């Protein structure tokens, strides 16, 4: 091999190894984000009880705003990192949790409920978003712990074969495409709702700012 071919081979190996390491790191770190998201979401009653004990209004507002920002930021970061499960090349060639795309879809549904329902005031909306979050986290935990991380266990070999994307690429890609369709539909619905909400807000503002005609 020529020096240029050796250099290109080393560069390609480093690039491929680096990308695989990055994906593996994200997959291994996502359980921590899912756990943090669940703790912050399910810890709302504790936050509310603490809020009611505060006598200083400024401290109560800071406490509540910090909680809300942390809770929603963790959900958005988790969703952003979960988008790696919608890359067909990674799903088919790497050992990823086969239910990763479904978990991302359920997380997006939880965020959609938070966007268009007053989750902090509506018990039904809070329960619905909780059901989506718990279901998504369970699907991810089970596939990661018992399939990806438990692949070396002889009694989990069959389970690992079915719930690891690299060992079962046909089913994994099918789940990915179905979940992707769901993500697109939810995103389109959110986009349409946002446009309609913006149009209604602008219409009300224009009607309020329009000068009234004097009576004849």
C-alpha atoms as a PDB file:
ATOM      1  CA  UNK A   1       0.000   0.000   0.000  1.00  0.00           C
ATOM      2  CA  UNK A   2       1.130   3.521  -0.739  1.00  0.00           C
ATOM      3  CA  UNK A   3       1.533   6.091   2.053  1.00  0.00           C
ATOM      4  CA  UNK A   4      -1.621   7.875   0.847  1.00  0.00           C
ATOM      5  CA  UNK A   5      -3.660   4.667   0.987  1.00  0.00           C
ATOM      6  CA  UNK A   6      -2.390   3.923   4.487  1.00  0.00           C
ATOM      7  CA  UNK A   7      -3.222   7.465   5.601  1.00  0.00           C
ATOM      8  CA  UNK A   8      -6.739   7.231   4.122  1.00  0.00           C
ATOM      9  CA  UNK A   9      -7.302   3.830   5.751  1.00  0.00           C
ATOM     10  CA  UNK A  10      -6.246   5.145   9.165  1.00  0.00           C
ATOM     11  CA  UNK A  11      -8.409   8.255   8.768  1.00  0.00           C
ATOM     12  CA  UNK A  12     -11.408   6.176   7.755  1.00  0.00           C
ATOM     13  CA  UNK A  13     -10.929   3.777  10.662  1.00  0.00           C
ATOM     14  CA  UNK A  14     -10.655   6.649  13.134  1.00  0.00           C
ATOM     15  CA  UNK A  15     -13.754   8.328  11.705  1.00  0.00           C
ATOM     16  CA  UNK A  16     -15.812   5.136  11.791  1.00  0.00           C
ATOM     17  CA  UNK A  17     -14.586   4.184  15.253  1.00  0.00           C
ATOM     18  CA  UNK A  18     -15.242   7.687  16.556  1.00  0.00           C
ATOM     19  CA  UNK A  19     -18.801   7.737  15.208  1.00  0.00           C
ATOM     20  CA  UNK A  20     -19.546   4.315  16.685  1.00  0.00           C
ATOM     21  CA  UNK A  21     -18.108   5.397  20.043  1.00  0.00           C
ATOM     22  CA  UNK A  22     -20.255   8.536  20.003  1.00  0.00           C
ATOM     23  CA  UNK A  23     -23.430   6.560  19.235  1.00  0.00           C
ATOM     24  CA  UNK A  24     -22.621   4.000  21.932  1.00  0.00           C
ATOM     25  CA  UNK A  25     -22.033   6.818  24.434  1.00  0.00           C
ATOM     26  CA  UNK A  26     -25.392   8.431  23.614  1.00  0.00           C
ATOM     27  CA  UNK A  27     -27.210   5.092  23.890  1.00  0.00           C
ATOM     28  CA  UNK A  28     -25.588   4.399  27.267  1.00  0.00           C
ATOM     29  CA  UNK A  29     -26.258   7.945  28.549  1.00  0.00           C
ATOM     30  CA  UNK A  30     -29.936   8.087  27.559  1.00  0.00           C
ATOM     31  CA  UNK A  31     -31.089   6.003  30.593  1.00  0.00           C
ATOM     32  CA  UNK A  32     -29.708   8.722  32.867  1.00  0.00           C
ATOM     33  CA  UNK A  33     -31.679  11.340  30.949  1.00  0.00           C
ATOM     34  CA  UNK A  34     -34.847   9.218  30.990  1.00  0.00           C
ATOM     35  CA  UNK A  35     -34.463   8.705  34.749  1.00  0.00           C
ATOM     36  CA  UNK A  36     -33.911  12.421  35.349  1.00  0.00           C
ATOM     37  CA  UNK A  37     -36.941  13.277  33.205  1.00  0.00           C
ATOM     38  CA  UNK A  38     -39.129  10.858  35.158  1.00  0.00           C
ATOM     39  CA  UNK A  39     -37.869  12.140  38.515  1.00  0.00           C
ATOM     40  CA  UNK A  40     -38.556  15.752  37.592  1.00  0.00           C
ATOM     41  CA  UNK A  41     -41.960  14.957  36.116  1.00  0.00           C
ATOM     42  CA  UNK A  42     -43.151  12.706  38.935  1.00  0.00           C
ATOM     43  CA  UNK A  43     -41.629  15.019  41.535  1.00  0.00           C
ATOM     44  CA  UNK A  44     -44.128  17.779  40.756  1.00  0.00           C
ATOM     45  CA  UNK A  45     -46.223  17.159  43.940  1.00  0.00           C
ATOM     46  CA  UNK A  46     -43.110  17.633  46.085  1.00  0.00           C
ATOM     47  CA  UNK A  47     -42.227  20.850  44.240  1.00  0.00           C
ATOM     48  CA  UNK A  48     -45.780  22.171  44.697  1.00  0.00           C
ATOM     49  CA  UNK A  49     -45.784  21.329  48.436  1.00  0.00           C
ATOM     50  CA  UNK A  50     -42.450  23.093  48.893  1.00  0.00           C
ATOM     51  CA  UNK A  51     -43.768  26.043  46.887  1.00  0.00           C
ATOM     52  CA  UNK A  52     -46.740  26.463  49.213  1.00  0.00           C
ATOM     53  CA  UNK A  53     -44.491  26.653  52.272  1.00  0.00           C
ATOM     54  CA  UNK A  54     -42.498  29.577  50.885  1.00  0.00           C
ATOM     55  CA  UNK A  55     -43.491  32.920  52.305  1.00  0.00           C
ATOM     56  CA  UNK A  56     -41.379  35.023  49.951  1.00  0.00           C
ATOM     57  CA  UNK A  57     -43.054  35.489  46.562  1.00  0.00           C
ATOM     58  CA  UNK A  58     -39.773  36.057  44.722  1.00  0.00           C
ATOM     59  CA  UNK A  59     -38.272  32.857  46.110  1.00  0.00           C
ATOM     60  CA  UNK A  60     -41.396  30.883  45.192  1.00  0.00           C
ATOM     61  CA  UNK A  61     -41.338  32.206  41.619  1.00  0.00           C
ATOM     62  CA  UNK A  62     -37.632  31.404  41.247  1.00  0.00           C
ATOM     63  CA  UNK A  63     -38.162  27.897  42.670  1.00  0.00           C
ATOM     64  CA  UNK A  64     -41.048  27.151  40.281  1.00  0.00           C
ATOM     65  CA  UNK A  65     -39.374  28.616  37.179  1.00  0.00           C
ATOM     66  CA  UNK A  66     -36.170  26.674  37.890  1.00  0.00           C
ATOM     67  CA  UNK A  67     -38.138  23.448  38.214  1.00  0.00           C
ATOM     68  CA  UNK A  68     -40.134  24.007  35.013  1.00  0.00           C
ATOM     69  CA  UNK A  69     -37.059  24.969  32.979  1.00  0.00           C
ATOM     70  CA  UNK A  70     -35.056  21.960  34.186  1.00  0.00           C
ATOM     71  CA  UNK A  71     -37.939  19.543  33.623  1.00  0.00           C
ATOM     72  CA  UNK A  72     -38.702  20.663  30.079  1.00  0.00           C
ATOM     73  CA  UNK A  73     -35.025  21.106  29.127  1.00  0.00           C
ATOM     74  CA  UNK A  74     -34.241  17.509  30.097  1.00  0.00           C
ATOM     75  CA  UNK A  75     -37.188  16.295  28.013  1.00  0.00           C
ATOM     76  CA  UNK A  76     -36.018  18.257  24.971  1.00  0.00           C
ATOM     77  CA  UNK A  77     -32.414  17.045  25.326  1.00  0.00           C
ATOM     78  CA  UNK A  78     -33.618  13.445  25.638  1.00  0.00           C
ATOM     79  CA  UNK A  79     -35.738  13.818  22.508  1.00  0.00           C
ATOM     80  CA  UNK A  80     -32.870  15.404  20.578  1.00  0.00           C
ATOM     81  CA  UNK A  81     -30.449  12.600  21.428  1.00  0.00           C
ATOM     82  CA  UNK A  82     -33.108   9.973  20.679  1.00  0.00           C
ATOM     83  CA  UNK A  83     -33.170  11.078  17.041  1.00  0.00           C
ATOM     84  CA  UNK A  84     -30.189   8.788  16.388  1.00  0.00           C
ATOM     85  CA  UNK A  85     -32.680   5.906  16.370  1.00  0.00           C
ATOM     86  CA  UNK A  86     -34.149   7.249  13.131  1.00  0.00           C
ATOM     87  CA  UNK A  87     -30.981   6.746  11.072  1.00  0.00           C
ATOM     88  CA  UNK A  88     -31.409   3.508   9.061  1.00  0.00           C
ATOM     89  CA  UNK A  89     -27.690   2.852   8.657  1.00  0.00           C
ATOM     90  CA  UNK A  90     -27.099   2.955  12.421  1.00  0.00           C
ATOM     91  CA  UNK A  91     -30.199   0.917  13.225  1.00  0.00           C
ATOM     92  CA  UNK A  92     -29.308  -1.846  10.774  1.00  0.00           C
ATOM     93  CA  UNK A  93     -25.593  -2.131  11.548  1.00  0.00           C
ATOM     94  CA  UNK A  94     -25.185  -1.348  15.259  1.00  0.00           C
ATOM     95  CA  UNK A  95     -26.487  -3.062  18.372  1.00  0.00           C
ATOM     96  CA  UNK A  96     -29.128  -0.538  19.444  1.00  0.00           C
ATOM     97  CA  UNK A  97     -32.325  -1.073  21.473  1.00  0.00           C
ATOM     98  CA  UNK A  98     -34.940  -2.106  18.953  1.00  0.00           C
ATOM     99  CA  UNK A  99     -37.615  -0.104  20.800  1.00  0.00           C
ATOM    100  CA  UNK A 100     -35.598   3.141  20.726  1.00  0.00           C
ATOM    101  CA  UNK A 101     -37.740   4.757  17.980  1.00  0.00           C
ATOM    102  CA  UNK A 102     -40.948   3.895  19.843  1.00  0.00           C
ATOM    103  CA  UNK A 103     -39.550   5.490  23.003  1.00  0.00           C
ATOM    104  CA  UNK A 104     -38.732   8.662  21.064  1.00  0.00           C
ATOM    105  CA  UNK A 105     -42.258   8.744  19.613  1.00  0.00           C
ATOM    106  CA  UNK A 106     -43.838   8.383  23.066  1.00  0.00           C
ATOM    107  CA  UNK A 107     -41.591  11.135  24.393  1.00  0.00           C
ATOM    108  CA  UNK A 108     -42.702  13.417  21.567  1.00  0.00           C
ATOM    109  CA  UNK A 109     -46.342  12.632  22.402  1.00  0.00           C
ATOM    110  CA  UNK A 110     -45.682  13.582  26.036  1.00  0.00           C
ATOM    111  CA  UNK A 111     -44.184  16.874  24.894  1.00  0.00           C
ATOM    112  CA  UNK A 112     -47.159  17.457  22.600  1.00  0.00           C
ATOM    113  CA  UNK A 113     -49.517  17.046  25.561  1.00  0.00           C
ATOM    114  CA  UNK A 114     -47.416  19.512  27.541  1.00  0.00           C
ATOM    115  CA  UNK A 115     -47.509  22.032  24.704  1.00  0.00           C
ATOM    116  CA  UNK A 116     -51.263  22.059  24.129  1.00  0.00           C
ATOM    117  CA  UNK A 117     -52.696  21.180  27.531  1.00  0.00           C
ATOM    118  CA  UNK A 118     -52.109  22.842  30.884  1.00  0.00           C
ATOM    119  CA  UNK A 119     -50.362  19.834  32.395  1.00  0.00           C
ATOM    120  CA  UNK A 120     -49.596  21.633  35.650  1.00  0.00           C
ATOM    121  CA  UNK A 121     -53.281  22.490  36.165  1.00  0.00           C
ATOM    122  CA  UNK A 122     -55.112  19.671  34.340  1.00  0.00           C
ATOM    123  CA  UNK A 123     -55.028  16.307  36.138  1.00  0.00           C
ATOM    124  CA  UNK A 124     -56.113  14.395  33.032  1.00  0.00           C
ATOM    125  CA  UNK A 125     -53.349  15.941  30.907  1.00  0.00           C
ATOM    126  CA  UNK A 126     -50.787  15.255  33.642  1.00  0.00           C
ATOM    127  CA  UNK A 127     -51.794  11.601  33.805  1.00  0.00           C
ATOM    128  CA  UNK A 128     -51.692  11.296  30.016  1.00  0.00           C
ATOM    129  CA  UNK A 129     -48.209  12.788  29.757  1.00  0.00           C
ATOM    130  CA  UNK A 130     -47.087  10.569  32.645  1.00  0.00           C
ATOM    131  CA  UNK A 131     -48.386   7.476  30.844  1.00  0.00           C
ATOM    132  CA  UNK A 132     -46.447   8.412  27.689  1.00  0.00           C
ATOM    133  CA  UNK A 133     -43.237   9.083  29.626  1.00  0.00           C
ATOM    134  CA  UNK A 134     -43.400   5.927  31.732  1.00  0.00           C
ATOM    135  CA  UNK A 135     -44.209   3.776  28.678  1.00  0.00           C
ATOM    136  CA  UNK A 136     -41.354   5.265  26.653  1.00  0.00           C
ATOM    137  CA  UNK A 137     -38.849   4.877  29.476  1.00  0.00           C
ATOM    138  CA  UNK A 138     -39.939   1.272  30.132  1.00  0.00           C
ATOM    139  CA  UNK A 139     -39.553   0.309  26.484  1.00  0.00           C
ATOM    140  CA  UNK A 140     -36.065   1.809  26.410  1.00  0.00           C
ATOM    141  CA  UNK A 141     -34.899   0.364  29.738  1.00  0.00           C
ATOM    142  CA  UNK A 142     -36.080  -3.174  28.948  1.00  0.00           C
ATOM    143  CA  UNK A 143     -34.461  -3.349  25.509  1.00  0.00           C
ATOM    144  CA  UNK A 144     -31.205  -1.726  26.658  1.00  0.00           C
ATOM    145  CA  UNK A 145     -30.693  -3.684  29.894  1.00  0.00           C
ATOM    146  CA  UNK A 146     -31.904  -7.132  28.862  1.00  0.00           C
ATOM    147  CA  UNK A 147     -30.910  -7.097  25.181  1.00  0.00           C
ATOM    148  CA  UNK A 148     -27.997  -4.741  24.448  1.00  0.00           C
ATOM    149  CA  UNK A 149     -26.256  -4.954  27.830  1.00  0.00           C
ATOM    150  CA  UNK A 150     -27.344  -8.543  28.536  1.00  0.00           C
ATOM    151  CA  UNK A 151     -26.273 -10.020  25.214  1.00  0.00           C
ATOM    152  CA  UNK A 152     -23.438 -11.990  26.849  1.00  0.00           C
ATOM    153  CA  UNK A 153     -25.822 -13.767  29.213  1.00  0.00           C
ATOM    154  CA  UNK A 154     -26.720 -17.218  27.894  1.00  0.00           C
ATOM    155  CA  UNK A 155     -30.248 -17.150  29.348  1.00  0.00           C
ATOM    156  CA  UNK A 156     -30.896 -13.778  27.638  1.00  0.00           C
ATOM    157  CA  UNK A 157     -29.442 -14.753  24.257  1.00  0.00           C
ATOM    158  CA  UNK A 158     -32.808 -15.225  22.559  1.00  0.00           C
ATOM    159  CA  UNK A 159     -34.212 -12.025  24.033  1.00  0.00           C
ATOM    160  CA  UNK A 160     -31.093 -10.131  22.958  1.00  0.00           C
ATOM    161  CA  UNK A 161     -31.386 -11.516  19.450  1.00  0.00           C
ATOM    162  CA  UNK A 162     -34.945 -10.234  19.082  1.00  0.00           C
ATOM    163  CA  UNK A 163     -34.587  -6.859  20.820  1.00  0.00           C
ATOM    164  CA  UNK A 164     -31.219  -5.744  19.415  1.00  0.00           C
ATOM    165  CA  UNK A 165     -31.437  -3.886  16.117  1.00  0.00           C
ATOM    166  CA  UNK A 166     -28.206  -5.284  14.651  1.00  0.00           C
ATOM    167  CA  UNK A 167     -29.340  -8.881  15.245  1.00  0.00           C
ATOM    168  CA  UNK A 168     -32.841  -8.306  13.899  1.00  0.00           C
ATOM    169  CA  UNK A 169     -32.486  -5.542  11.281  1.00  0.00           C
ATOM    170  CA  UNK A 170     -35.691  -6.275   9.366  1.00  0.00           C
ATOM    171  CA  UNK A 171     -37.963  -5.832  12.369  1.00  0.00           C
ATOM    172  CA  UNK A 172     -35.825  -2.945  13.664  1.00  0.00           C
ATOM    173  CA  UNK A 173     -36.134  -1.031  10.407  1.00  0.00           C
ATOM    174  CA  UNK A 174     -39.867  -1.718  10.303  1.00  0.00           C
ATOM    175  CA  UNK A 175     -40.292  -0.294  13.812  1.00  0.00           C
ATOM    176  CA  UNK A 176     -38.120   2.668  12.881  1.00  0.00           C
ATOM    177  CA  UNK A 177     -40.143   3.560   9.768  1.00  0.00           C
ATOM    178  CA  UNK A 178     -43.493   3.192  11.557  1.00  0.00           C
ATOM    179  CA  UNK A 179     -42.236   5.340  14.426  1.00  0.00           C
ATOM    180  CA  UNK A 180     -40.867   7.889  11.974  1.00  0.00           C
ATOM    181  CA  UNK A 181     -44.288   8.188  10.337  1.00  0.00           C
ATOM    182  CA  UNK A 182     -45.773   8.776  13.788  1.00  0.00           C
ATOM    183  CA  UNK A 183     -43.154  11.440  14.556  1.00  0.00           C
ATOM    184  CA  UNK A 184     -43.870  13.210  11.268  1.00  0.00           C
ATOM    185  CA  UNK A 185     -47.632  13.168  11.917  1.00  0.00           C
ATOM    186  CA  UNK A 186     -47.239  14.522  15.455  1.00  0.00           C
ATOM    187  CA  UNK A 187     -44.775  17.195  14.269  1.00  0.00           C
ATOM    188  CA  UNK A 188     -47.136  18.211  11.456  1.00  0.00           C
ATOM    189  CA  UNK A 189     -50.046  18.437  13.905  1.00  0.00           C
ATOM    190  CA  UNK A 190     -47.961  20.608  16.240  1.00  0.00           C
ATOM    191  CA  UNK A 191     -46.952  22.831  13.321  1.00  0.00           C
ATOM    192  CA  UNK A 192     -50.558  23.323  12.194  1.00  0.00           C
ATOM    193  CA  UNK A 193     -51.714  24.016  15.746  1.00  0.00           C
ATOM    194  CA  UNK A 194     -48.901  26.547  16.196  1.00  0.00           C
ATOM    195  CA  UNK A 195     -49.863  28.339  12.975  1.00  0.00           C
ATOM    196  CA  UNK A 196     -53.545  28.449  13.932  1.00  0.00           C
ATOM    197  CA  UNK A 197     -52.708  29.694  17.419  1.00  0.00           C
ATOM    198  CA  UNK A 198     -50.440  32.418  16.017  1.00  0.00           C
ATOM    199  CA  UNK A 199     -53.135  33.475  13.516  1.00  0.00           C
ATOM    200  CA  UNK A 200     -55.776  33.717  16.262  1.00  0.00           C
ATOM    201  CA  UNK A 201     -53.445  35.720  18.495  1.00  0.00           C
ATOM    202  CA  UNK A 202     -52.575  38.152  15.701  1.00  0.00           C
ATOM    203  CA  UNK A 203     -56.247  38.478  14.760  1.00  0.00           C
ATOM    204  CA  UNK A 204     -57.235  39.372  18.315  1.00  0.00           C
ATOM    205  CA  UNK A 205     -54.373  41.861  18.559  1.00  0.00           C
ATOM    206  CA  UNK A 206     -55.309  43.546  15.273  1.00  0.00           C
ATOM    207  CA  UNK A 207     -58.968  43.788  16.245  1.00  0.00           C
ATOM    208  CA  UNK A 208     -57.975  45.292  19.607  1.00  0.00           C
ATOM    209  CA  UNK A 209     -55.608  47.838  18.027  1.00  0.00           C
ATOM    210  CA  UNK A 210     -58.004  48.858  15.235  1.00  0.00           C
ATOM    211  CA  UNK A 211     -59.565  52.244  16.008  1.00  0.00           C
ATOM    212  CA  UNK A 212     -63.326  52.198  16.476  1.00  0.00           C
ATOM    213  CA  UNK A 213     -65.477  54.161  14.042  1.00  0.00           C
ATOM    214  CA  UNK A 214     -67.397  57.055  15.627  1.00  0.00           C
ATOM    215  CA  UNK A 215     -71.135  56.643  15.749  1.00  0.00           C
ATOM    216  CA  UNK A 216     -73.028  58.780  13.200  1.00  0.00           C
END
